[in-house]
């Protein structure tokens, strides 16, 4: 499924745009002009990665400084242990960024997974 995110012209380099879907996804525009989309929620705790710090092809979680590789979703710094999902990014001829969502199951932090399973948050 392709979801329109925003216009490329409206997403400055070094910034992120969060899609309020379930689970949330963020599109990152690196300083080098590359575009990446990953699940927005840190796999360690419920924090928005779009609110984190973008450096090169890594984003640092604003809560506990876990780092994720935007290209692969891999964890580059703890305390997170599980990767985030990556999604395909396509820019159409009108300059609109679209995200093709991964079909893999997301790695949700324990607090969200417990809430979804009906347990204590």
N, C-alpha and C. Protein backbone atom coordinates (compact mmCIF):
# COMPACT_ATOMS: atom_id res chain seq x y z
N UNK A 1 0.84 -1.17 0.00
CA UNK A 1 0.00 0.00 0.00
C UNK A 1 0.90 1.24 0.00
N UNK A 2 0.59 2.18 -0.88
CA UNK A 2 1.34 3.44 -0.97
C UNK A 2 0.55 4.53 -0.26
N UNK A 3 1.23 5.24 0.63
CA UNK A 3 0.60 6.31 1.40
C UNK A 3 1.31 7.62 1.08
N UNK A 4 0.56 8.66 0.66
CA UNK A 4 1.22 9.95 0.45
C UNK A 4 1.65 10.54 1.78
N UNK A 5 2.87 11.08 1.83
CA UNK A 5 3.40 11.64 3.07
C UNK A 5 3.34 13.16 3.05
N UNK A 6 4.06 13.77 2.11
CA UNK A 6 4.12 15.22 1.99
C UNK A 6 4.84 15.55 0.70
N UNK A 7 4.89 16.82 0.37
CA UNK A 7 5.65 17.24 -0.80
C UNK A 7 7.14 17.29 -0.44
N UNK A 8 7.97 16.87 -1.35
CA UNK A 8 9.42 16.91 -1.12
C UNK A 8 9.86 18.34 -0.80
N UNK A 9 9.26 19.31 -1.47
CA UNK A 9 9.62 20.71 -1.24
C UNK A 9 9.28 21.18 0.17
N UNK A 10 8.37 20.48 0.85
CA UNK A 10 7.96 20.86 2.20
C UNK A 10 8.73 20.12 3.30
N UNK A 11 9.68 19.27 2.90
CA UNK A 11 10.47 18.50 3.88
C UNK A 11 11.94 18.88 3.72
N UNK A 12 12.41 19.88 4.50
CA UNK A 12 13.79 20.33 4.37
C UNK A 12 14.79 19.22 4.72
N UNK A 13 15.97 19.32 4.16
CA UNK A 13 17.04 18.37 4.51
C UNK A 13 17.31 18.47 6.01
N UNK A 14 17.57 17.31 6.62
CA UNK A 14 17.84 17.26 8.05
C UNK A 14 16.58 17.19 8.90
N UNK A 15 15.40 17.06 8.26
CA UNK A 15 14.13 17.04 8.99
C UNK A 15 13.40 15.72 8.76
N UNK A 16 12.34 15.52 9.54
CA UNK A 16 11.50 14.33 9.42
C UNK A 16 10.04 14.74 9.37
N UNK A 17 9.24 13.89 8.73
CA UNK A 17 7.79 14.10 8.68
C UNK A 17 7.13 12.83 9.20
N UNK A 18 6.29 12.97 10.22
CA UNK A 18 5.62 11.82 10.86
C UNK A 18 4.25 11.61 10.25
N UNK A 19 3.97 10.35 9.89
CA UNK A 19 2.65 9.96 9.41
C UNK A 19 1.88 9.36 10.59
N UNK A 20 0.76 9.94 10.91
CA UNK A 20 -0.03 9.46 12.05
C UNK A 20 -0.93 8.31 11.60
N UNK A 21 -0.28 7.17 11.35
CA UNK A 21 -0.99 5.94 11.03
C UNK A 21 -0.68 4.96 12.16
N UNK A 22 -1.19 3.75 12.09
CA UNK A 22 -0.99 2.80 13.17
C UNK A 22 -0.25 1.57 12.67
N UNK A 23 1.00 1.34 13.09
CA UNK A 23 1.85 2.21 13.90
C UNK A 23 2.39 3.37 13.06
N UNK A 24 2.77 4.46 13.73
CA UNK A 24 3.27 5.64 13.01
C UNK A 24 4.55 5.35 12.23
N UNK A 25 4.71 6.06 11.13
CA UNK A 25 5.89 5.95 10.28
C UNK A 25 6.43 7.36 10.07
N UNK A 26 7.75 7.49 9.98
CA UNK A 26 8.35 8.79 9.70
C UNK A 26 9.24 8.71 8.47
N UNK A 27 9.20 9.79 7.69
CA UNK A 27 10.06 9.95 6.52
C UNK A 27 11.16 10.92 6.93
N UNK A 28 12.41 10.52 6.70
CA UNK A 28 13.57 11.35 7.02
C UNK A 28 14.23 11.81 5.73
N UNK A 29 14.59 13.10 5.68
CA UNK A 29 15.31 13.68 4.54
C UNK A 29 16.70 14.05 5.06
N UNK A 30 17.70 13.28 4.66
CA UNK A 30 19.05 13.48 5.19
C UNK A 30 19.68 14.75 4.62
N UNK A 31 20.76 15.17 5.25
CA UNK A 31 21.51 16.34 4.78
C UNK A 31 22.07 16.11 3.38
N UNK A 32 22.27 14.83 3.00
CA UNK A 32 22.77 14.48 1.67
C UNK A 32 21.65 14.40 0.63
N UNK A 33 20.39 14.62 1.06
CA UNK A 33 19.27 14.60 0.13
C UNK A 33 18.61 13.25 -0.04
N UNK A 34 19.02 12.24 0.73
CA UNK A 34 18.39 10.93 0.64
C UNK A 34 17.10 10.91 1.47
N UNK A 35 16.16 10.04 1.07
CA UNK A 35 14.90 9.88 1.78
C UNK A 35 14.79 8.45 2.30
N UNK A 36 14.38 8.33 3.56
CA UNK A 36 14.19 7.03 4.18
C UNK A 36 12.90 7.07 5.00
N UNK A 37 12.25 5.91 5.11
CA UNK A 37 11.06 5.81 5.95
C UNK A 37 11.24 4.61 6.88
N UNK A 38 10.97 4.85 8.17
CA UNK A 38 11.04 3.79 9.18
C UNK A 38 9.85 3.93 10.11
N UNK A 39 9.57 2.87 10.88
CA UNK A 39 8.57 2.99 11.93
C UNK A 39 9.04 4.09 12.87
N UNK A 40 8.10 4.92 13.32
CA UNK A 40 8.46 6.11 14.10
C UNK A 40 8.72 5.81 15.57
N UNK A 41 8.26 4.67 16.07
CA UNK A 41 8.36 4.39 17.51
C UNK A 41 9.62 3.60 17.83
N UNK A 42 10.42 4.11 18.76
CA UNK A 42 11.60 3.40 19.23
C UNK A 42 11.19 2.04 19.76
N UNK A 43 12.00 1.01 19.48
CA UNK A 43 11.65 -0.34 19.93
C UNK A 43 11.95 -0.56 21.41
N UNK A 44 12.59 0.39 22.06
CA UNK A 44 12.91 0.28 23.48
C UNK A 44 11.77 0.81 24.34
N UNK A 45 11.32 2.03 24.08
CA UNK A 45 10.22 2.64 24.80
C UNK A 45 9.45 3.53 23.85
N UNK A 46 8.26 3.94 24.27
CA UNK A 46 7.36 4.71 23.41
C UNK A 46 7.87 6.14 23.23
N UNK A 47 8.69 6.34 22.19
CA UNK A 47 9.22 7.67 21.87
C UNK A 47 9.21 7.83 20.36
N UNK A 48 8.89 9.03 19.88
CA UNK A 48 8.86 9.31 18.46
C UNK A 48 10.27 9.56 17.93
N UNK A 49 10.68 8.76 16.97
CA UNK A 49 12.01 8.95 16.38
C UNK A 49 12.07 10.22 15.54
N UNK A 50 10.93 10.69 15.05
CA UNK A 50 10.89 11.95 14.31
C UNK A 50 11.31 13.12 15.20
N UNK A 51 11.17 12.97 16.51
CA UNK A 51 11.59 13.99 17.46
C UNK A 51 13.06 13.85 17.84
N UNK A 52 13.73 12.85 17.28
CA UNK A 52 15.12 12.59 17.61
C UNK A 52 16.08 13.42 16.79
N UNK A 53 17.35 13.03 16.81
CA UNK A 53 18.41 13.76 16.14
C UNK A 53 18.88 12.96 14.94
N UNK A 54 18.86 13.61 13.79
CA UNK A 54 19.28 12.98 12.54
C UNK A 54 20.73 13.34 12.26
N UNK A 55 21.56 12.31 12.06
CA UNK A 55 22.96 12.54 11.73
C UNK A 55 23.36 11.51 10.69
N UNK A 56 23.66 11.99 9.49
CA UNK A 56 23.97 11.06 8.40
C UNK A 56 22.77 10.18 8.12
N UNK A 57 22.98 8.88 8.16
CA UNK A 57 21.89 7.92 7.93
C UNK A 57 21.45 7.26 9.23
N UNK A 58 21.60 7.99 10.35
CA UNK A 58 21.19 7.48 11.65
C UNK A 58 20.25 8.47 12.32
N UNK A 59 19.32 7.91 13.10
CA UNK A 59 18.48 8.76 13.95
C UNK A 59 18.67 8.30 15.39
N UNK A 60 18.80 9.27 16.28
CA UNK A 60 18.97 8.99 17.70
C UNK A 60 17.66 9.25 18.42
N UNK A 61 17.19 8.28 19.18
CA UNK A 61 15.95 8.42 19.94
C UNK A 61 16.10 9.53 20.98
N UNK A 62 15.09 10.39 21.10
CA UNK A 62 15.19 11.49 22.06
C UNK A 62 15.06 11.06 23.52
N UNK A 63 14.63 9.83 23.76
CA UNK A 63 14.39 9.39 25.14
C UNK A 63 15.64 8.82 25.81
N UNK A 64 16.22 7.77 25.24
CA UNK A 64 17.37 7.11 25.86
C UNK A 64 18.56 6.94 24.93
N UNK A 65 18.57 7.68 23.80
CA UNK A 65 19.73 7.75 22.90
C UNK A 65 20.02 6.48 22.10
N UNK A 66 19.05 5.57 21.98
CA UNK A 66 19.24 4.46 21.04
C UNK A 66 19.38 5.06 19.65
N UNK A 67 20.18 4.42 18.81
CA UNK A 67 20.37 4.90 17.44
C UNK A 67 19.95 3.81 16.46
N UNK A 68 19.31 4.25 15.37
CA UNK A 68 18.84 3.32 14.35
C UNK A 68 19.38 3.75 12.99
N UNK A 69 19.81 2.76 12.20
CA UNK A 69 20.27 3.00 10.84
C UNK A 69 19.04 3.16 9.94
N UNK A 70 18.90 4.30 9.28
CA UNK A 70 17.74 4.55 8.44
C UNK A 70 17.69 3.64 7.22
N UNK A 71 18.84 3.14 6.78
CA UNK A 71 18.88 2.28 5.59
C UNK A 71 18.39 0.88 5.88
N UNK A 72 18.71 0.36 7.08
CA UNK A 72 18.40 -1.04 7.39
C UNK A 72 17.44 -1.21 8.56
N UNK A 73 17.28 -0.16 9.38
CA UNK A 73 16.46 -0.26 10.59
C UNK A 73 17.23 -0.84 11.77
N UNK A 74 18.48 -1.27 11.56
CA UNK A 74 19.27 -1.91 12.60
C UNK A 74 19.57 -0.95 13.75
N UNK A 75 19.69 -1.53 14.95
CA UNK A 75 20.06 -0.76 16.13
C UNK A 75 21.56 -0.54 16.09
N UNK A 76 21.98 0.74 16.19
CA UNK A 76 23.40 1.07 16.19
C UNK A 76 23.90 1.45 17.59
N UNK A 77 22.98 1.68 18.53
CA UNK A 77 23.38 2.00 19.91
C UNK A 77 22.24 1.61 20.84
N UNK A 78 22.59 0.95 21.98
CA UNK A 78 21.57 0.56 22.95
C UNK A 78 20.98 1.77 23.67
N UNK A 79 19.91 1.62 24.45
CA UNK A 79 19.41 0.38 25.02
C UNK A 79 18.46 -0.43 24.14
N UNK A 80 17.99 0.10 23.00
CA UNK A 80 17.13 -0.71 22.13
C UNK A 80 17.91 -1.93 21.64
N UNK A 81 17.19 -3.04 21.49
CA UNK A 81 17.81 -4.27 21.01
C UNK A 81 17.23 -4.71 19.67
N UNK A 82 15.96 -4.35 19.42
CA UNK A 82 15.28 -4.78 18.19
C UNK A 82 15.31 -3.67 17.14
N UNK A 83 15.41 -4.04 15.87
CA UNK A 83 15.41 -3.04 14.81
C UNK A 83 14.01 -2.46 14.59
N UNK A 84 13.96 -1.35 13.88
CA UNK A 84 12.68 -0.80 13.42
C UNK A 84 12.49 -1.26 11.97
N UNK A 85 11.24 -1.33 11.54
CA UNK A 85 10.96 -1.68 10.15
C UNK A 85 11.34 -0.52 9.24
N UNK A 86 11.79 -0.85 8.06
CA UNK A 86 12.03 0.15 7.03
C UNK A 86 10.94 0.03 5.98
N UNK A 87 10.68 1.12 5.28
CA UNK A 87 9.65 1.17 4.26
C UNK A 87 10.22 1.81 3.01
N UNK A 88 9.69 1.45 1.86
CA UNK A 88 10.14 2.02 0.59
C UNK A 88 9.61 3.45 0.44
N UNK A 89 10.44 4.33 -0.09
CA UNK A 89 10.05 5.72 -0.35
C UNK A 89 10.11 5.96 -1.85
N UNK A 90 9.04 6.57 -2.38
CA UNK A 90 8.95 6.90 -3.80
C UNK A 90 8.50 8.35 -3.91
N UNK A 91 9.17 9.11 -4.77
CA UNK A 91 8.75 10.49 -5.06
C UNK A 91 8.14 10.48 -6.46
N UNK A 92 6.87 10.89 -6.57
CA UNK A 92 6.21 10.86 -7.88
C UNK A 92 6.59 12.07 -8.73
N UNK A 93 6.08 12.10 -9.94
CA UNK A 93 6.44 13.17 -10.89
C UNK A 93 5.96 14.55 -10.43
N UNK A 94 5.01 14.59 -9.48
CA UNK A 94 4.53 15.87 -8.95
C UNK A 94 5.29 16.31 -7.71
N UNK A 95 6.34 15.55 -7.32
CA UNK A 95 7.15 15.91 -6.16
C UNK A 95 6.53 15.51 -4.83
N UNK A 96 5.59 14.56 -4.85
CA UNK A 96 4.97 14.08 -3.62
C UNK A 96 5.68 12.82 -3.16
N UNK A 97 6.07 12.80 -1.88
CA UNK A 97 6.71 11.63 -1.29
C UNK A 97 5.62 10.63 -0.90
N UNK A 98 5.81 9.38 -1.33
CA UNK A 98 4.90 8.30 -0.96
C UNK A 98 5.70 7.23 -0.22
N UNK A 99 5.04 6.55 0.71
CA UNK A 99 5.66 5.46 1.47
C UNK A 99 4.92 4.18 1.14
N UNK A 100 5.67 3.16 0.72
CA UNK A 100 5.11 1.82 0.53
C UNK A 100 5.42 1.05 1.80
N UNK A 101 4.36 0.73 2.56
CA UNK A 101 4.54 0.10 3.87
C UNK A 101 5.06 -1.33 3.75
N UNK A 102 5.95 -1.67 4.66
CA UNK A 102 6.47 -3.03 4.77
C UNK A 102 5.35 -3.96 5.20
N UNK A 103 5.43 -5.21 4.77
CA UNK A 103 4.45 -6.21 5.18
C UNK A 103 4.92 -6.99 6.41
N UNK A 104 6.13 -6.71 6.87
CA UNK A 104 6.66 -7.37 8.07
C UNK A 104 5.93 -6.86 9.31
N UNK A 105 5.93 -7.67 10.36
CA UNK A 105 5.34 -7.24 11.63
C UNK A 105 6.26 -6.21 12.28
N UNK A 106 5.69 -5.17 12.90
CA UNK A 106 6.52 -4.16 13.56
C UNK A 106 7.12 -4.70 14.86
N UNK A 107 8.25 -4.15 15.27
CA UNK A 107 8.84 -4.41 16.58
C UNK A 107 8.40 -3.28 17.49
N UNK A 108 7.41 -3.54 18.32
CA UNK A 108 6.88 -2.51 19.20
C UNK A 108 7.57 -2.57 20.56
N UNK A 109 7.73 -1.42 21.23
CA UNK A 109 8.32 -1.45 22.56
C UNK A 109 7.40 -2.22 23.51
N UNK A 110 7.96 -2.80 24.59
CA UNK A 110 7.16 -3.62 25.51
C UNK A 110 5.92 -2.91 26.05
N UNK A 111 6.00 -1.60 26.33
CA UNK A 111 4.85 -0.91 26.90
C UNK A 111 3.68 -0.87 25.93
N UNK A 112 3.94 -0.73 24.64
CA UNK A 112 2.86 -0.71 23.64
C UNK A 112 2.37 -2.12 23.36
N UNK A 113 3.29 -3.08 23.24
CA UNK A 113 2.91 -4.48 22.99
C UNK A 113 2.01 -5.00 24.11
N UNK A 114 2.32 -4.66 25.36
CA UNK A 114 1.51 -5.10 26.50
C UNK A 114 0.12 -4.46 26.44
N UNK A 115 0.08 -3.19 26.08
CA UNK A 115 -1.21 -2.48 26.00
C UNK A 115 -2.09 -3.09 24.90
N UNK A 116 -1.50 -3.41 23.75
CA UNK A 116 -2.25 -4.01 22.66
C UNK A 116 -2.73 -5.42 23.00
N UNK A 117 -1.96 -6.10 23.85
CA UNK A 117 -2.34 -7.47 24.26
C UNK A 117 -3.34 -7.44 25.41
N UNK A 118 -3.69 -6.26 25.91
CA UNK A 118 -4.67 -6.17 26.99
C UNK A 118 -4.06 -6.19 28.38
N UNK A 119 -2.74 -6.14 28.46
CA UNK A 119 -2.08 -6.15 29.77
C UNK A 119 -1.85 -4.74 30.26
N UNK A 120 -1.16 -4.59 31.40
CA UNK A 120 -0.86 -3.26 31.93
C UNK A 120 0.14 -2.54 31.03
N UNK A 121 -0.02 -1.25 30.91
CA UNK A 121 0.87 -0.47 30.05
C UNK A 121 2.16 -0.13 30.75
